[in-house]
Amino acid sequence: MSPHTVAPLLLGLAVIVVTAWLLGMLARRLGQPAVIGEIVGGILLGPTLFGGAIPRTLFPAEVRPSLTLLADIGVCLFMFLIGLHLDHTLLRGQSRTASVVSVCAMLLPFGLGALLALYLAGGGTGDRVAFVLFMGAAMAVTAFPVLARILTDKGLIDTPIGGLALACAAVGDVLAWALLAVVAALAGGGGHPWRVLFVVPFAAVLLGVVRPLLARLAARRPVSGPLTGVVLVAGAAGLLLSAQATSWMGLHAIFGAFLFGVAMPREGVSALRERVLPWIERICAVMLLPVFFMAAGLKVDLSRLDTVAFGELALILLVAVTGKFGGAYLGGRITGVRPRHSAVLGILMNTRGLTELIVLTVGLELGVLTPRLYSLMILMALVTTAMTGVLLRIVYPERRVVEDRSPRTGATRLHVNEGRSGLSDEY
């Protein structure tokens, strides 16, 4: 970066951070998750308004590579945090229900998305099989972190249905990321497609070797003592090397960041979680992710969409909502969850948010999506996420939440007994 690009870069970062904060706060006041306002902010700073005058003025060509780099770092940190917070204990006592709902909430939207891809064959570039698989994966995604925030804001985090929704989203997202890794291997393998074969042994080494070593390293320091440089350096180096490894394999760096987060030991790193992670999450949320929203918004041009495009958007929304809601509802009913709570599951699993944005950005970078279809899919992610709060107020009003909240120390898990869930009583 040359010295004369520093000033416009800092100005652009200031505009991005302030815009994301203002629109995020406005979204919260409207009863929506902050990510809705932040994504809208990214689109508004893009070429949609005033013929692209805003990005040309605020983000000249010489600063965009630096912004893209910051955006990539932010997404890698975000995926590391998602992997770190992935709680395998969510399945305790409700593994059958969560597994069935997760599979149904993946298969139906994936199948419908694949059929939609065949219809929208002109919206993809490059490998046709990769495009079909990608559209299926994009329709099957649920935004786990946004869902957790919605459950907290709506007072559902300590209800049985809230715990089940989180478990289903966690399982579903792992399946979706695995499927996206296959798409990345097909579309982005470059001249060395054989490198993708290292993914499985690499994941096995992270979980079977690196994780125990990190646990021993953390166990050597006093629980209440200060964090040592060794712990911090090991964590930072591991994250960077893991991201680089999956990038070398022909996948995106986010997969390595996610896998390293999953591999981080849960025991013996309480000080790291309490003192360091909150600051990392704050920096990521306030500074780096808004840059990602802006970078994504620069690729969205809604001013060029015509009536045909909006017709395709309606079809995309129909497939997305029908697939996710229908799959989760069907899975809930199969396992004995009563109708109202099955509907709540369908509404919650339809939340896409930032996770969908990351998936779509990867698809655009791999050449699987055209800019036009990318813009339509971004709108779909916004609409489906915004629908969640509105529909929840109708289907699951506050009085129902109070009735269903567990009286037993605020337990969040749904206990399954003889194939039927604790929610499967009379409607």
Protein backbone atom coordinates (compact mmCIF):
# COMPACT_ATOMS: atom_id res chain seq x y z
CA MET A 1 0.00 0.00 0.00
CA SER A 2 1.40 3.38 -1.00
CA PRO A 3 1.39 6.27 1.52
CA HIS A 4 -1.16 8.31 -0.44
CA THR A 5 -3.78 5.54 -0.09
CA VAL A 6 -3.72 5.56 3.72
CA ALA A 7 -5.91 8.67 4.11
CA PRO A 8 -8.74 7.49 1.79
CA LEU A 9 -8.58 4.06 3.37
CA LEU A 10 -9.03 5.49 6.87
CA LEU A 11 -11.86 7.74 5.67
CA GLY A 12 -13.60 4.80 4.05
CA LEU A 13 -13.23 2.69 7.20
CA ALA A 14 -14.73 5.49 9.30
CA VAL A 15 -17.75 5.75 6.99
CA ILE A 16 -18.22 1.98 7.01
CA VAL A 17 -18.09 1.66 10.80
CA VAL A 18 -20.45 4.58 11.44
CA THR A 19 -22.93 3.46 8.76
CA ALA A 20 -22.99 -0.10 10.10
CA TRP A 21 -23.52 1.11 13.67
CA LEU A 22 -26.33 3.53 12.77
CA LEU A 23 -28.24 1.13 10.55
CA GLY A 24 -27.66 -1.76 12.96
CA MET A 25 -29.15 0.32 15.78
CA LEU A 26 -32.10 1.28 13.55
CA ALA A 27 -32.71 -2.38 12.72
CA ARG A 28 -32.76 -3.29 16.42
CA ARG A 29 -35.29 -0.54 17.11
CA LEU A 30 -37.48 -2.01 14.39
CA GLY A 31 -37.32 -5.40 16.07
CA GLN A 32 -34.82 -6.87 13.62
CA PRO A 33 -31.31 -8.27 14.22
CA ALA A 34 -28.55 -5.71 13.72
CA VAL A 35 -27.11 -7.72 10.82
CA ILE A 36 -30.11 -6.69 8.69
CA GLY A 37 -29.19 -3.01 8.98
CA GLU A 38 -25.50 -3.73 8.51
CA ILE A 39 -26.08 -5.67 5.28
CA VAL A 40 -28.40 -2.93 4.01
CA GLY A 41 -25.64 -0.44 4.82
CA GLY A 42 -23.22 -2.42 2.67
CA ILE A 43 -25.66 -2.36 -0.24
CA LEU A 44 -26.30 1.39 0.17
CA LEU A 45 -22.56 2.07 0.03
CA GLY A 46 -22.32 0.05 -3.18
CA PRO A 47 -23.16 0.93 -6.78
CA THR A 48 -26.95 0.68 -6.37
CA LEU A 49 -27.51 4.40 -5.63
CA PHE A 50 -26.51 7.47 -7.68
CA GLY A 51 -24.96 5.48 -10.48
CA GLY A 52 -22.15 4.17 -8.29
CA ALA A 53 -20.95 7.63 -7.24
CA ILE A 54 -20.70 6.63 -3.55
CA PRO A 55 -18.17 3.79 -3.94
CA ARG A 56 -16.19 5.72 -6.55
CA THR A 57 -15.83 8.62 -4.11
CA LEU A 58 -15.36 6.78 -0.82
CA PHE A 59 -13.63 3.61 -2.02
CA PRO A 60 -11.37 4.39 -4.98
CA ALA A 61 -9.76 1.52 -6.83
CA GLU A 62 -6.42 1.84 -5.02
CA VAL A 63 -7.94 1.18 -1.55
CA ARG A 64 -10.24 -1.69 -2.50
CA PRO A 65 -7.58 -4.43 -2.27
CA SER A 66 -6.84 -3.34 1.31
CA LEU A 67 -10.55 -3.37 2.15
CA THR A 68 -10.93 -6.82 0.60
CA LEU A 69 -8.02 -8.07 2.71
CA LEU A 70 -9.62 -6.69 5.90
CA ALA A 71 -12.93 -8.27 4.88
CA ASP A 72 -11.27 -11.67 4.39
CA ILE A 73 -9.60 -11.41 7.80
CA GLY A 74 -12.93 -10.50 9.40
CA VAL A 75 -14.72 -13.47 7.84
CA CYS A 76 -11.95 -15.87 8.88
CA LEU A 77 -12.15 -14.58 12.46
CA PHE A 78 -15.93 -14.89 12.38
CA MET A 79 -15.77 -18.49 11.15
CA PHE A 80 -13.16 -19.29 13.81
CA LEU A 81 -15.55 -17.95 16.47
CA ILE A 82 -18.43 -19.98 15.00
CA GLY A 83 -16.35 -23.14 15.22
CA LEU A 84 -15.21 -22.23 18.72
CA HIS A 85 -18.75 -21.70 19.99
CA LEU A 86 -20.13 -24.81 18.31
CA ASP A 87 -21.52 -26.73 21.28
CA HIS A 88 -21.68 -30.49 20.73
CA THR A 89 -23.61 -30.84 24.01
CA LEU A 90 -26.64 -29.23 22.34
CA LEU A 91 -27.58 -32.70 21.11
CA ARG A 92 -27.72 -34.26 24.56
CA GLY A 93 -31.19 -35.57 25.29
CA GLN A 94 -32.57 -34.52 21.92
CA SER A 95 -30.21 -36.11 19.40
CA ARG A 96 -32.95 -37.99 17.53
CA THR A 97 -35.23 -35.00 17.17
CA ALA A 98 -32.41 -32.63 16.25
CA SER A 99 -30.92 -35.08 13.74
CA VAL A 100 -34.22 -35.75 11.97
CA VAL A 101 -35.19 -32.06 11.86
CA SER A 102 -31.71 -31.08 10.65
CA VAL A 103 -31.69 -33.65 7.86
CA CYS A 104 -35.21 -32.73 6.71
CA ALA A 105 -34.36 -29.01 6.91
CA MET A 106 -31.34 -29.72 4.70
CA LEU A 107 -32.71 -32.22 2.18
CA LEU A 108 -35.88 -30.41 1.13
CA PRO A 109 -34.31 -26.96 0.55
CA PHE A 110 -31.28 -28.60 -1.06
CA GLY A 111 -33.47 -30.55 -3.49
CA LEU A 112 -35.60 -27.52 -4.33
CA GLY A 113 -32.48 -25.38 -4.68
CA ALA A 114 -30.94 -27.89 -7.07
CA LEU A 115 -34.12 -27.87 -9.20
CA LEU A 116 -34.08 -24.08 -9.16
CA ALA A 117 -30.47 -24.15 -10.34
CA LEU A 118 -31.49 -26.21 -13.36
CA TYR A 119 -34.09 -23.56 -14.20
CA LEU A 120 -31.63 -20.70 -13.58
CA ALA A 121 -28.81 -22.37 -15.45
CA GLY A 122 -27.78 -19.06 -17.00
CA GLY A 123 -27.20 -17.55 -13.56
CA GLY A 124 -24.10 -19.59 -12.91
CA THR A 125 -20.70 -19.70 -14.52
CA GLY A 126 -18.18 -22.47 -14.95
CA ASP A 127 -18.95 -25.99 -13.70
CA ARG A 128 -22.67 -26.84 -14.00
CA VAL A 129 -22.54 -29.52 -11.31
CA ALA A 130 -20.87 -27.07 -8.93
CA PHE A 131 -23.62 -24.51 -9.64
CA VAL A 132 -26.39 -27.00 -8.89
CA LEU A 133 -24.72 -28.16 -5.67
CA PHE A 134 -24.01 -24.59 -4.65
CA MET A 135 -27.62 -23.45 -5.07
CA GLY A 136 -28.76 -26.41 -3.02
CA ALA A 137 -26.28 -25.58 -0.26
CA ALA A 138 -27.17 -21.87 -0.33
CA MET A 139 -30.87 -22.68 0.15
CA ALA A 140 -30.09 -25.05 3.02
CA VAL A 141 -28.05 -22.62 5.16
CA THR A 142 -29.22 -21.38 8.57
CA ALA A 143 -27.40 -18.51 10.28
CA PHE A 144 -26.49 -20.08 13.63
CA PRO A 145 -25.13 -16.89 15.31
CA VAL A 146 -28.02 -14.70 14.11
CA LEU A 147 -30.47 -17.36 15.24
CA ALA A 148 -28.88 -17.43 18.70
CA ARG A 149 -29.23 -13.65 18.93
CA ILE A 150 -32.88 -13.75 17.85
CA LEU A 151 -33.65 -16.44 20.43
CA THR A 152 -32.03 -14.31 23.13
CA ASP A 153 -33.86 -11.13 22.10
CA LYS A 154 -37.21 -12.92 21.92
CA GLY A 155 -36.77 -14.66 25.28
CA LEU A 156 -36.70 -18.12 23.68
CA ILE A 157 -33.18 -19.11 24.61
CA ASP A 158 -34.36 -20.80 27.83
CA THR A 159 -37.26 -22.69 26.26
CA PRO A 160 -37.20 -26.27 24.94
CA ILE A 161 -37.96 -25.08 21.41
CA GLY A 162 -35.07 -22.62 21.56
CA GLY A 163 -32.60 -25.32 22.53
CA LEU A 164 -33.89 -27.61 19.79
CA ALA A 165 -33.63 -24.86 17.17
CA LEU A 166 -30.01 -24.15 18.14
CA ALA A 167 -29.12 -27.84 17.97
CA CYS A 168 -30.74 -28.21 14.55
CA ALA A 169 -29.01 -25.08 13.22
CA ALA A 170 -25.63 -26.30 14.50
CA VAL A 171 -25.97 -29.70 12.82
CA GLY A 172 -27.39 -28.17 9.65
CA ASP A 173 -24.62 -25.62 9.33
CA VAL A 174 -21.91 -28.27 9.68
CA LEU A 175 -23.58 -30.22 6.87
CA ALA A 176 -23.92 -27.06 4.75
CA TRP A 177 -20.26 -26.12 5.21
CA ALA A 178 -19.20 -29.63 4.27
CA LEU A 179 -21.31 -29.41 1.12
CA LEU A 180 -19.88 -25.98 0.31
CA ALA A 181 -16.39 -27.45 0.67
CA VAL A 182 -17.29 -29.98 -2.03
CA VAL A 183 -18.49 -27.13 -4.27
CA ALA A 184 -15.26 -25.21 -3.63
CA ALA A 185 -13.25 -28.30 -4.54
CA LEU A 186 -15.17 -28.71 -7.80
CA ALA A 187 -15.09 -25.05 -8.80
CA GLY A 188 -11.86 -23.76 -7.28
CA GLY A 189 -9.42 -26.62 -7.33
CA GLY A 190 -7.28 -24.86 -9.92
CA GLY A 191 -4.46 -26.88 -11.41
CA HIS A 192 -4.04 -29.17 -8.40
CA PRO A 193 -7.44 -30.78 -7.69
CA TRP A 194 -5.73 -33.68 -5.91
CA ARG A 195 -4.90 -31.37 -2.99
CA VAL A 196 -8.50 -31.49 -1.78
CA LEU A 197 -7.85 -35.11 -0.74
CA PHE A 198 -5.85 -33.73 2.20
CA VAL A 199 -8.97 -32.19 3.79
CA VAL A 200 -10.11 -35.30 5.68
CA PRO A 201 -6.68 -36.21 7.15
CA PHE A 202 -6.10 -32.53 7.93
CA ALA A 203 -9.34 -32.36 9.93
CA ALA A 204 -8.42 -35.62 11.67
CA VAL A 205 -5.01 -34.21 12.68
CA LEU A 206 -6.62 -31.03 14.03
CA LEU A 207 -9.09 -32.96 16.18
CA GLY A 208 -6.93 -35.93 17.11
CA VAL A 209 -3.50 -34.31 17.55
CA VAL A 210 -3.67 -30.51 17.69
CA ARG A 211 -6.63 -30.36 20.05
CA PRO A 212 -5.04 -32.59 22.75
CA LEU A 213 -1.77 -30.66 22.46
CA LEU A 214 -3.55 -27.34 22.94
CA ALA A 215 -5.44 -28.79 25.89
CA ARG A 216 -2.16 -29.87 27.54
CA LEU A 217 -0.61 -26.48 26.85
CA ALA A 218 -3.58 -24.71 28.43
CA ALA A 219 -3.58 -27.09 31.42
CA ARG A 220 0.02 -26.19 32.33
CA ARG A 221 -0.84 -22.60 33.23
CA PRO A 222 -2.79 -21.73 36.42
CA VAL A 223 -6.51 -21.36 35.87
CA SER A 224 -6.59 -17.93 37.51
CA GLY A 225 -3.17 -16.80 36.26
CA PRO A 226 -2.44 -14.35 33.49
CA LEU A 227 -2.52 -15.44 29.89
CA THR A 228 0.93 -16.29 28.57
CA GLY A 229 2.27 -15.27 25.21
CA VAL A 230 2.67 -18.94 24.31
CA VAL A 231 -1.08 -19.55 24.52
CA LEU A 232 -1.95 -16.48 22.46
CA VAL A 233 0.75 -17.09 19.85
CA ALA A 234 -0.22 -20.76 19.52
CA GLY A 235 -3.86 -19.81 18.96
CA ALA A 236 -3.11 -17.04 16.46
CA ALA A 237 -0.53 -19.08 14.53
CA GLY A 238 -2.81 -22.11 14.46
CA LEU A 239 -5.69 -20.06 13.07
CA LEU A 240 -3.56 -18.52 10.32
CA LEU A 241 -1.85 -21.77 9.36
CA SER A 242 -5.12 -23.68 9.29
CA ALA A 243 -6.72 -21.06 7.05
CA GLN A 244 -3.70 -21.13 4.75
CA ALA A 245 -3.77 -24.93 4.64
CA THR A 246 -7.35 -25.18 3.36
CA SER A 247 -6.66 -22.36 0.90
CA TRP A 248 -3.70 -24.38 -0.44
CA MET A 249 -5.99 -27.39 -0.77
CA GLY A 250 -8.19 -25.46 -3.18
CA LEU A 251 -10.87 -24.59 -0.62
CA HIS A 252 -11.57 -21.19 0.89
CA ALA A 253 -9.54 -20.04 3.90
CA ILE A 254 -12.75 -19.82 5.97
CA PHE A 255 -12.91 -23.62 6.14
CA GLY A 256 -9.52 -23.79 7.85
CA ALA A 257 -10.53 -21.04 10.29
CA PHE A 258 -13.76 -22.88 11.10
CA LEU A 259 -11.99 -26.23 11.59
CA PHE A 260 -9.41 -24.68 13.91
CA GLY A 261 -12.20 -23.13 15.97
CA VAL A 262 -13.84 -26.55 16.28
CA ALA A 263 -10.48 -28.06 17.28
CA MET A 264 -9.87 -25.57 20.10
CA PRO A 265 -10.21 -27.37 23.47
CA ARG A 266 -13.13 -26.37 25.65
CA GLU A 267 -11.37 -27.19 28.92
CA GLY A 268 -8.46 -25.25 30.35
CA VAL A 269 -8.91 -22.11 28.24
CA SER A 270 -11.43 -20.28 30.40
CA ALA A 271 -9.14 -17.26 30.75
CA LEU A 272 -8.81 -17.05 26.98
CA ARG A 273 -12.59 -17.12 26.61
CA GLU A 274 -13.22 -14.60 29.37
CA ARG A 275 -10.50 -12.04 28.63
CA VAL A 276 -9.47 -12.30 24.99
CA LEU A 277 -12.44 -13.64 23.01
CA PRO A 278 -14.86 -10.82 23.99
CA TRP A 279 -12.37 -8.29 22.61
CA ILE A 280 -11.86 -10.31 19.44
CA GLU A 281 -15.61 -10.59 18.97
CA ARG A 282 -16.05 -6.85 19.57
CA ILE A 283 -13.34 -5.89 17.07
CA CYS A 284 -14.74 -8.34 14.55
CA ALA A 285 -18.30 -7.03 14.95
CA VAL A 286 -17.49 -3.32 15.05
CA MET A 287 -14.66 -3.06 12.54
CA LEU A 288 -14.00 -6.11 10.37
CA LEU A 289 -17.45 -7.51 9.58
CA PRO A 290 -18.81 -4.10 8.48
CA VAL A 291 -15.91 -4.01 6.01
CA PHE A 292 -17.09 -7.40 4.76
CA PHE A 293 -20.64 -6.03 4.35
CA MET A 294 -19.23 -3.14 2.35
CA ALA A 295 -17.10 -5.44 0.19
CA ALA A 296 -20.20 -7.57 -0.46
CA GLY A 297 -22.28 -4.45 -1.16
CA LEU A 298 -19.83 -3.26 -3.80
CA LYS A 299 -20.79 -6.34 -5.81
CA VAL A 300 -24.55 -5.76 -5.50
CA ASP A 301 -26.12 -3.46 -8.10
CA LEU A 302 -29.88 -3.44 -7.70
CA SER A 303 -30.28 -0.58 -10.16
CA ARG A 304 -29.75 -2.98 -13.06
CA LEU A 305 -32.50 -5.42 -12.08
CA ASP A 306 -35.50 -5.59 -14.42
CA THR A 307 -38.95 -7.15 -14.13
CA VAL A 308 -37.57 -10.54 -15.18
CA ALA A 309 -35.04 -10.36 -12.35
CA PHE A 310 -37.72 -9.56 -9.78
CA GLY A 311 -39.76 -12.48 -11.09
CA GLU A 312 -36.75 -14.69 -10.49
CA LEU A 313 -36.38 -13.16 -7.03
CA ALA A 314 -39.97 -14.15 -6.22
CA LEU A 315 -39.20 -17.72 -7.33
CA ILE A 316 -35.99 -17.78 -5.27
CA LEU A 317 -37.89 -16.58 -2.19
CA LEU A 318 -40.61 -19.19 -2.75
CA VAL A 319 -38.05 -21.98 -2.96
CA ALA A 320 -36.05 -20.69 0.03
CA VAL A 321 -39.02 -20.25 2.38
CA THR A 322 -40.90 -23.37 1.27
CA GLY A 323 -37.82 -25.58 1.47
CA LYS A 324 -36.55 -24.44 4.86
CA PHE A 325 -39.90 -24.03 6.58
CA GLY A 326 -41.38 -27.16 5.04
CA GLY A 327 -38.36 -29.31 5.82
CA ALA A 328 -38.11 -28.23 9.46
CA TYR A 329 -41.87 -28.50 9.99
CA LEU A 330 -41.95 -31.99 8.47
CA GLY A 331 -38.98 -33.11 10.58
CA GLY A 332 -40.64 -31.79 13.73
CA ARG A 333 -43.91 -33.57 13.04
CA ILE A 334 -42.13 -36.84 12.22
CA THR A 335 -40.44 -36.81 15.64
CA GLY A 336 -43.62 -35.89 17.50
CA VAL A 337 -43.15 -32.15 18.00
CA ARG A 338 -46.57 -30.53 18.15
CA PRO A 339 -47.76 -28.40 15.21
CA ARG A 340 -47.22 -24.94 16.67
CA HIS A 341 -43.66 -25.70 17.75
CA SER A 342 -42.93 -27.38 14.42
CA ALA A 343 -44.03 -24.15 12.74
CA VAL A 344 -41.76 -22.18 15.10
CA LEU A 345 -38.87 -24.45 14.13
CA GLY A 346 -39.57 -23.80 10.47
CA ILE A 347 -39.61 -20.02 11.02
CA LEU A 348 -36.38 -20.07 13.02
CA MET A 349 -34.52 -22.34 10.60
CA ASN A 350 -35.39 -19.94 7.77
CA THR A 351 -32.99 -17.37 9.29
CA ARG A 352 -30.00 -16.89 7.00
CA GLY A 353 -28.31 -13.57 7.75
CA LEU A 354 -24.52 -13.24 7.72
CA THR A 355 -23.86 -16.94 7.16
CA GLU A 356 -25.70 -16.81 3.85
CA LEU A 357 -23.76 -13.69 2.89
CA ILE A 358 -20.48 -15.54 3.45
CA VAL A 359 -21.69 -18.50 1.38
CA LEU A 360 -22.78 -16.24 -1.47
CA THR A 361 -19.50 -14.31 -1.42
CA VAL A 362 -17.58 -17.58 -1.67
CA GLY A 363 -19.78 -18.59 -4.60
CA LEU A 364 -19.10 -15.32 -6.38
CA GLU A 365 -15.35 -15.59 -5.78
CA LEU A 366 -15.34 -19.15 -7.12
CA GLY A 367 -17.19 -18.04 -10.25
CA VAL A 368 -20.19 -20.21 -9.42
CA LEU A 369 -22.57 -17.20 -9.33
CA THR A 370 -22.93 -14.30 -11.71
CA PRO A 371 -23.17 -10.79 -10.18
CA ARG A 372 -26.84 -10.62 -11.16
CA LEU A 373 -27.84 -13.84 -9.38
CA TYR A 374 -25.58 -12.89 -6.48
CA SER A 375 -27.61 -9.68 -6.01
CA LEU A 376 -30.88 -11.63 -6.06
CA MET A 377 -29.61 -14.13 -3.50
CA ILE A 378 -28.47 -11.29 -1.22
CA LEU A 379 -32.01 -9.90 -1.29
CA MET A 380 -33.33 -13.37 -0.46
CA ALA A 381 -31.04 -13.56 2.58
CA LEU A 382 -32.28 -10.17 3.79
CA VAL A 383 -35.98 -10.96 3.33
CA THR A 384 -35.87 -14.42 4.92
CA THR A 385 -33.96 -13.13 7.96
CA ALA A 386 -36.32 -10.17 8.39
CA MET A 387 -39.32 -12.51 8.19
CA THR A 388 -38.25 -14.40 11.29
CA GLY A 389 -39.10 -11.77 13.91
CA VAL A 390 -42.38 -10.80 12.24
CA LEU A 391 -43.68 -14.36 11.91
CA LEU A 392 -42.55 -15.31 15.42
CA ARG A 393 -44.72 -12.57 16.92
CA ILE A 394 -47.71 -14.05 15.10
CA VAL A 395 -47.14 -17.79 15.55
CA TYR A 396 -45.42 -17.70 18.95
CA PRO A 397 -46.66 -14.70 20.96
CA GLU A 398 -45.22 -13.76 24.34
CA ARG A 399 -47.87 -15.60 26.34
CA ARG A 400 -46.92 -18.86 24.63
CA VAL A 401 -43.26 -18.22 25.38
CA VAL A 402 -44.06 -17.74 29.07
CA GLU A 403 -46.09 -20.96 29.13
CA ASP A 404 -43.35 -23.00 27.47
CA ARG A 405 -40.38 -21.61 29.37
CA SER A 406 -38.90 -24.47 31.38
CA PRO A 407 -39.48 -24.13 35.14
CA ARG A 408 -36.53 -26.41 35.83
CA THR A 409 -33.57 -24.02 36.23
CA GLY A 410 -34.06 -22.59 32.76
CA ALA A 411 -33.05 -25.75 30.91
CA THR A 412 -32.57 -25.19 27.22
CA ARG A 413 -32.68 -28.78 26.04
CA LEU A 414 -35.56 -30.85 24.84
CA HIS A 415 -35.67 -34.29 26.41
CA VAL A 416 -36.84 -37.10 24.17
CA ASN A 417 -38.74 -39.98 25.73
CA GLU A 418 -39.66 -43.07 23.73
CA GLY A 419 -39.44 -41.29 20.43
CA ARG A 420 -41.59 -38.31 21.45
CA SER A 421 -40.36 -34.91 22.53
CA GLY A 422 -41.28 -32.84 25.54
CA LEU A 423 -43.13 -30.49 23.18
CA SER A 424 -45.34 -33.18 21.73
CA ASP A 425 -48.24 -32.75 24.10
CA GLU A 426 -51.70 -31.67 23.01
CA TYR A 427 -51.81 -28.62 20.69
